[in-house]
Amino acid sequence: MNAYATTARRLRLAADVFDARAHHRTRPMIDIVTQGFRSAAGAFDDVAPGAPGELPEELADALAALEAVFGAHDFHLSAALVGYAVEPVTGIVPPLDVLAAVSERFAREDFDLRKRRNTILHHRHLTSADDEIVSWALRALATIHYKHESLAGVIAADNARPCNRGKAAFQLVPGQRQHDHHSA
């Protein structure tokens, strides 16, 4: 399967994930984005593969429109879902950067989310021949990124507290880099 066919498959699976897992106060917004994923998948089926990392303009526009809708609305899933779907063509894996929390609790939460994401990528779940595994991976990654984006806001507020201003980011030592089974 070439990169365009793989991307079309991921976009279709992302549409199903989005349709089943997105939350919004108006169902028509979910339907619009779901259709956007499906339309983009169809476009990838209809366009001849180009140079690696390049997207034809109509595909780039369709994906930009999807990301813009994500940016304007909270669907309880991250727009990184789009990035993971098109990664076979772009070669770009959506980043999940360290959030530089000054508090140990938040540093641990950040580390745990990044570890979960890296585990999914390391085990190559997105390249599975099984659609259920790829769907699970897309859903998990979109959720992990959403939680990370929410955590970024919490960390920014915590880092800005008067008692935390000017503190260096908390560094987890290897013994602290284990999943905290007591956190929710």
C-alpha atoms as a PDB file:
ATOM      1  CA  MET A   1       0.000   0.000   0.000  1.00  0.00           C
ATOM      2  CA  ASN A   2       1.498   3.369  -0.985  1.00  0.00           C
ATOM      3  CA  ALA A   3       1.573   6.381   1.339  1.00  0.00           C
ATOM      4  CA  TYR A   4      -1.524   7.932  -0.254  1.00  0.00           C
ATOM      5  CA  ALA A   5      -3.577   4.753   0.132  1.00  0.00           C
ATOM      6  CA  THR A   6      -2.372   4.381   3.717  1.00  0.00           C
ATOM      7  CA  THR A   7      -3.337   7.983   4.433  1.00  0.00           C
ATOM      8  CA  ALA A   8      -6.784   7.495   2.848  1.00  0.00           C
ATOM      9  CA  ARG A   9      -7.292   4.431   5.059  1.00  0.00           C
ATOM     10  CA  ARG A  10      -6.229   6.326   8.191  1.00  0.00           C
ATOM     11  CA  LEU A  11      -8.497   9.261   7.308  1.00  0.00           C
ATOM     12  CA  ARG A  12     -11.475   6.907   6.946  1.00  0.00           C
ATOM     13  CA  LEU A  13     -10.681   5.285  10.260  1.00  0.00           C
ATOM     14  CA  ALA A  14     -10.191   8.735  11.829  1.00  0.00           C
ATOM     15  CA  ALA A  15     -13.647   9.699  10.533  1.00  0.00           C
ATOM     16  CA  ASP A  16     -15.137   6.706  12.329  1.00  0.00           C
ATOM     17  CA  VAL A  17     -13.181   7.474  15.508  1.00  0.00           C
ATOM     18  CA  PHE A  18     -14.268  11.101  15.389  1.00  0.00           C
ATOM     19  CA  ASP A  19     -17.918  10.215  14.711  1.00  0.00           C
ATOM     20  CA  ALA A  20     -17.999   7.795  17.647  1.00  0.00           C
ATOM     21  CA  ARG A  21     -15.835   9.681  20.182  1.00  0.00           C
ATOM     22  CA  ALA A  22     -16.131  13.426  19.578  1.00  0.00           C
ATOM     23  CA  HIS A  23     -18.265  15.503  21.910  1.00  0.00           C
ATOM     24  CA  HIS A  24     -19.863  18.801  20.963  1.00  0.00           C
ATOM     25  CA  ARG A  25     -23.031  20.599  21.993  1.00  0.00           C
ATOM     26  CA  THR A  26     -24.353  20.383  18.434  1.00  0.00           C
ATOM     27  CA  ARG A  27     -24.283  17.095  16.545  1.00  0.00           C
ATOM     28  CA  PRO A  28     -24.090  18.849  13.131  1.00  0.00           C
ATOM     29  CA  MET A  29     -20.563  20.081  13.962  1.00  0.00           C
ATOM     30  CA  ILE A  30     -19.454  16.489  14.546  1.00  0.00           C
ATOM     31  CA  ASP A  31     -21.090  15.477  11.269  1.00  0.00           C
ATOM     32  CA  ILE A  32     -19.279  18.284   9.396  1.00  0.00           C
ATOM     33  CA  VAL A  33     -15.869  17.183  10.671  1.00  0.00           C
ATOM     34  CA  THR A  34     -16.639  13.502  10.086  1.00  0.00           C
ATOM     35  CA  GLN A  35     -17.570  14.328   6.502  1.00  0.00           C
ATOM     36  CA  GLY A  36     -14.402  16.411   6.195  1.00  0.00           C
ATOM     37  CA  PHE A  37     -12.310  13.372   7.123  1.00  0.00           C
ATOM     38  CA  ARG A  38     -14.213  11.228   4.614  1.00  0.00           C
ATOM     39  CA  SER A  39     -13.882  13.815   1.863  1.00  0.00           C
ATOM     40  CA  ALA A  40     -10.152  14.105   2.491  1.00  0.00           C
ATOM     41  CA  ALA A  41      -9.880  10.287   2.334  1.00  0.00           C
ATOM     42  CA  GLY A  42     -11.658  10.298  -1.018  1.00  0.00           C
ATOM     43  CA  ALA A  43      -9.357  13.027  -2.264  1.00  0.00           C
ATOM     44  CA  PHE A  44      -6.311  10.940  -1.339  1.00  0.00           C
ATOM     45  CA  ASP A  45      -7.822   8.032  -3.278  1.00  0.00           C
ATOM     46  CA  ASP A  46      -8.346  10.244  -6.338  1.00  0.00           C
ATOM     47  CA  VAL A  47      -4.966  12.000  -6.468  1.00  0.00           C
ATOM     48  CA  ALA A  48      -1.843  10.414  -7.873  1.00  0.00           C
ATOM     49  CA  PRO A  49       0.946  10.181  -5.319  1.00  0.00           C
ATOM     50  CA  GLY A  50       3.337  13.111  -5.394  1.00  0.00           C
ATOM     51  CA  ALA A  51       6.807  13.635  -4.050  1.00  0.00           C
ATOM     52  CA  PRO A  52       7.358  12.425  -0.473  1.00  0.00           C
ATOM     53  CA  GLY A  53       6.337  15.072   2.043  1.00  0.00           C
ATOM     54  CA  GLU A  54       4.380  17.114  -0.521  1.00  0.00           C
ATOM     55  CA  LEU A  55       0.627  17.504  -0.585  1.00  0.00           C
ATOM     56  CA  PRO A  56      -1.249  18.736  -3.627  1.00  0.00           C
ATOM     57  CA  GLU A  57      -2.902  22.085  -2.925  1.00  0.00           C
ATOM     58  CA  GLU A  58      -6.479  20.738  -2.797  1.00  0.00           C
ATOM     59  CA  LEU A  59      -5.468  18.136  -0.213  1.00  0.00           C
ATOM     60  CA  ALA A  60      -3.522  20.652   1.846  1.00  0.00           C
ATOM     61  CA  ASP A  61      -6.564  22.961   1.800  1.00  0.00           C
ATOM     62  CA  ALA A  62      -8.941  20.179   2.902  1.00  0.00           C
ATOM     63  CA  LEU A  63      -6.654  19.248   5.794  1.00  0.00           C
ATOM     64  CA  ALA A  64      -6.174  22.887   6.798  1.00  0.00           C
ATOM     65  CA  ALA A  65      -9.967  23.273   6.907  1.00  0.00           C
ATOM     66  CA  LEU A  66     -10.231  20.241   9.213  1.00  0.00           C
ATOM     67  CA  GLU A  67      -7.565  21.622  11.525  1.00  0.00           C
ATOM     68  CA  ALA A  68      -9.253  25.053  11.537  1.00  0.00           C
ATOM     69  CA  VAL A  69     -12.559  23.537  12.678  1.00  0.00           C
ATOM     70  CA  PHE A  70     -10.693  21.669  15.423  1.00  0.00           C
ATOM     71  CA  GLY A  71      -9.099  24.941  16.482  1.00  0.00           C
ATOM     72  CA  ALA A  72     -12.435  26.741  16.655  1.00  0.00           C
ATOM     73  CA  HIS A  73     -14.321  24.064  18.609  1.00  0.00           C
ATOM     74  CA  ASP A  74     -13.679  21.722  21.514  1.00  0.00           C
ATOM     75  CA  PHE A  75     -14.492  18.156  20.462  1.00  0.00           C
ATOM     76  CA  HIS A  76     -12.641  16.480  23.365  1.00  0.00           C
ATOM     77  CA  LEU A  77     -10.205  15.089  20.790  1.00  0.00           C
ATOM     78  CA  SER A  78      -7.063  16.740  19.519  1.00  0.00           C
ATOM     79  CA  ALA A  79      -6.461  18.019  15.996  1.00  0.00           C
ATOM     80  CA  ALA A  80      -3.355  15.817  16.172  1.00  0.00           C
ATOM     81  CA  LEU A  81      -5.751  13.157  14.844  1.00  0.00           C
ATOM     82  CA  VAL A  82      -5.391  14.832  11.437  1.00  0.00           C
ATOM     83  CA  GLY A  83      -1.599  14.844  11.732  1.00  0.00           C
ATOM     84  CA  TYR A  84      -1.408  11.143  12.544  1.00  0.00           C
ATOM     85  CA  ALA A  85      -3.760  10.324   9.681  1.00  0.00           C
ATOM     86  CA  VAL A  86      -1.630  12.131   7.085  1.00  0.00           C
ATOM     87  CA  GLU A  87       1.777  11.192   8.528  1.00  0.00           C
ATOM     88  CA  PRO A  88       2.397   8.514   5.861  1.00  0.00           C
ATOM     89  CA  VAL A  89       2.461  11.288   3.221  1.00  0.00           C
ATOM     90  CA  THR A  90       3.937  14.182   5.193  1.00  0.00           C
ATOM     91  CA  GLY A  91       6.427  12.177   7.220  1.00  0.00           C
ATOM     92  CA  ILE A  92       5.625  14.463  10.167  1.00  0.00           C
ATOM     93  CA  VAL A  93       4.583  12.898  13.469  1.00  0.00           C
ATOM     94  CA  PRO A  94       2.652  15.393  15.613  1.00  0.00           C
ATOM     95  CA  PRO A  95       4.955  16.497  18.430  1.00  0.00           C
ATOM     96  CA  LEU A  96       4.206  16.112  22.109  1.00  0.00           C
ATOM     97  CA  ASP A  97       6.668  18.443  23.781  1.00  0.00           C
ATOM     98  CA  VAL A  98       7.763  18.521  27.400  1.00  0.00           C
ATOM     99  CA  LEU A  99       5.603  21.058  29.226  1.00  0.00           C
ATOM    100  CA  ALA A 100       8.258  22.232  31.732  1.00  0.00           C
ATOM    101  CA  ALA A 101       6.084  21.897  34.823  1.00  0.00           C
ATOM    102  CA  VAL A 102       7.615  23.194  38.036  1.00  0.00           C
ATOM    103  CA  SER A 103       5.401  20.925  40.165  1.00  0.00           C
ATOM    104  CA  GLU A 104       6.274  17.237  40.478  1.00  0.00           C
ATOM    105  CA  ARG A 105       2.667  16.074  40.058  1.00  0.00           C
ATOM    106  CA  PHE A 106       2.252  17.861  36.747  1.00  0.00           C
ATOM    107  CA  ALA A 107       5.727  16.849  35.548  1.00  0.00           C
ATOM    108  CA  ARG A 108       4.751  13.225  36.206  1.00  0.00           C
ATOM    109  CA  GLU A 109       1.424  13.614  34.349  1.00  0.00           C
ATOM    110  CA  ASP A 110       3.258  15.165  31.394  1.00  0.00           C
ATOM    111  CA  PHE A 111       5.810  12.342  31.413  1.00  0.00           C
ATOM    112  CA  ASP A 112       3.087   9.668  31.603  1.00  0.00           C
ATOM    113  CA  LEU A 113       1.195  11.100  28.617  1.00  0.00           C
ATOM    114  CA  ARG A 114       4.362  11.310  26.531  1.00  0.00           C
ATOM    115  CA  LYS A 115       5.301   7.765  27.559  1.00  0.00           C
ATOM    116  CA  ARG A 116       1.877   6.432  26.503  1.00  0.00           C
ATOM    117  CA  ARG A 117       2.161   8.144  23.134  1.00  0.00           C
ATOM    118  CA  ASN A 118       5.686   6.874  22.574  1.00  0.00           C
ATOM    119  CA  THR A 119       4.611   3.329  23.442  1.00  0.00           C
ATOM    120  CA  ILE A 120       1.886   3.427  20.774  1.00  0.00           C
ATOM    121  CA  LEU A 121       4.343   4.743  18.201  1.00  0.00           C
ATOM    122  CA  HIS A 122       7.120   2.358  19.219  1.00  0.00           C
ATOM    123  CA  HIS A 123       4.854  -0.674  18.853  1.00  0.00           C
ATOM    124  CA  ARG A 124       3.834   0.570  15.394  1.00  0.00           C
ATOM    125  CA  HIS A 125       0.095   0.233  16.047  1.00  0.00           C
ATOM    126  CA  LEU A 126      -0.618   2.794  13.311  1.00  0.00           C
ATOM    127  CA  THR A 127       0.958   0.541  10.696  1.00  0.00           C
ATOM    128  CA  SER A 128      -1.025  -2.557  11.627  1.00  0.00           C
ATOM    129  CA  ALA A 129      -2.926  -4.417   8.913  1.00  0.00           C
ATOM    130  CA  ASP A 130      -5.845  -4.677  11.364  1.00  0.00           C
ATOM    131  CA  ASP A 131      -8.247  -1.709  11.110  1.00  0.00           C
ATOM    132  CA  GLU A 132      -9.341  -2.148  14.740  1.00  0.00           C
ATOM    133  CA  ILE A 133      -5.775  -1.721  15.977  1.00  0.00           C
ATOM    134  CA  VAL A 134      -5.207   1.352  13.810  1.00  0.00           C
ATOM    135  CA  SER A 135      -8.538   2.826  14.976  1.00  0.00           C
ATOM    136  CA  TRP A 136      -7.618   2.179  18.599  1.00  0.00           C
ATOM    137  CA  ALA A 137      -4.222   3.831  18.071  1.00  0.00           C
ATOM    138  CA  LEU A 138      -5.765   6.902  16.391  1.00  0.00           C
ATOM    139  CA  ARG A 139      -8.345   7.241  19.182  1.00  0.00           C
ATOM    140  CA  ALA A 140      -5.702   6.809  21.879  1.00  0.00           C
ATOM    141  CA  LEU A 141      -3.345   9.322  20.277  1.00  0.00           C
ATOM    142  CA  ALA A 142      -6.096  11.925  19.788  1.00  0.00           C
ATOM    143  CA  THR A 143      -7.097  11.483  23.433  1.00  0.00           C
ATOM    144  CA  ILE A 144      -3.531  11.615  24.739  1.00  0.00           C
ATOM    145  CA  HIS A 145      -2.872  14.824  22.793  1.00  0.00           C
ATOM    146  CA  TYR A 146      -6.159  16.335  24.026  1.00  0.00           C
ATOM    147  CA  LYS A 147      -5.234  15.555  27.637  1.00  0.00           C
ATOM    148  CA  HIS A 148      -1.741  16.958  27.032  1.00  0.00           C
ATOM    149  CA  GLU A 149      -3.208  20.169  25.587  1.00  0.00           C
ATOM    150  CA  SER A 150      -5.482  20.497  28.643  1.00  0.00           C
ATOM    151  CA  LEU A 151      -2.561  19.767  30.952  1.00  0.00           C
ATOM    152  CA  ALA A 152      -0.553  22.520  29.224  1.00  0.00           C
ATOM    153  CA  GLY A 153      -3.149  25.065  30.382  1.00  0.00           C
ATOM    154  CA  VAL A 154      -3.082  23.725  33.934  1.00  0.00           C
ATOM    155  CA  ILE A 155       0.723  23.797  33.987  1.00  0.00           C
ATOM    156  CA  ALA A 156       0.830  27.340  32.613  1.00  0.00           C
ATOM    157  CA  ALA A 157      -1.480  28.470  35.413  1.00  0.00           C
ATOM    158  CA  ASP A 158       0.476  26.540  38.043  1.00  0.00           C
ATOM    159  CA  ASN A 159       3.828  27.830  36.790  1.00  0.00           C
ATOM    160  CA  ALA A 160       2.450  31.399  36.933  1.00  0.00           C
ATOM    161  CA  ARG A 161       1.454  31.152  40.607  1.00  0.00           C
ATOM    162  CA  PRO A 162       3.532  33.546  42.721  1.00  0.00           C
ATOM    163  CA  CYS A 163       5.132  30.694  44.671  1.00  0.00           C
ATOM    164  CA  ASN A 164       6.259  29.010  41.426  1.00  0.00           C
ATOM    165  CA  ARG A 165       7.477  31.973  39.405  1.00  0.00           C
ATOM    166  CA  GLY A 166      11.131  31.690  38.478  1.00  0.00           C
ATOM    167  CA  LYS A 167      11.409  28.032  39.476  1.00  0.00           C
ATOM    168  CA  ALA A 168      13.147  25.630  37.136  1.00  0.00           C
ATOM    169  CA  ALA A 169      11.134  22.859  35.551  1.00  0.00           C
ATOM    170  CA  PHE A 170      10.871  19.792  37.762  1.00  0.00           C
ATOM    171  CA  GLN A 171      13.130  16.982  36.545  1.00  0.00           C
ATOM    172  CA  LEU A 172      11.969  13.438  37.165  1.00  0.00           C
ATOM    173  CA  VAL A 173      14.803  11.123  38.102  1.00  0.00           C
ATOM    174  CA  PRO A 174      14.641   7.564  36.705  1.00  0.00           C
ATOM    175  CA  GLY A 175      12.994   6.199  39.866  1.00  0.00           C
ATOM    176  CA  GLN A 176      10.186   8.730  39.523  1.00  0.00           C
ATOM    177  CA  ARG A 177       9.499   7.841  35.895  1.00  0.00           C
ATOM    178  CA  GLN A 178       7.104   5.068  36.751  1.00  0.00           C
ATOM    179  CA  HIS A 179       3.386   5.286  36.300  1.00  0.00           C
ATOM    180  CA  ASP A 180       1.711   6.676  39.390  1.00  0.00           C
ATOM    181  CA  HIS A 181      -1.124   4.230  40.069  1.00  0.00           C
ATOM    182  CA  HIS A 182      -2.706   6.610  42.562  1.00  0.00           C
ATOM    183  CA  SER A 183      -3.348   9.481  40.178  1.00  0.00           C
ATOM    184  CA  ALA A 184      -6.627   9.711  38.327  1.00  0.00           C
END
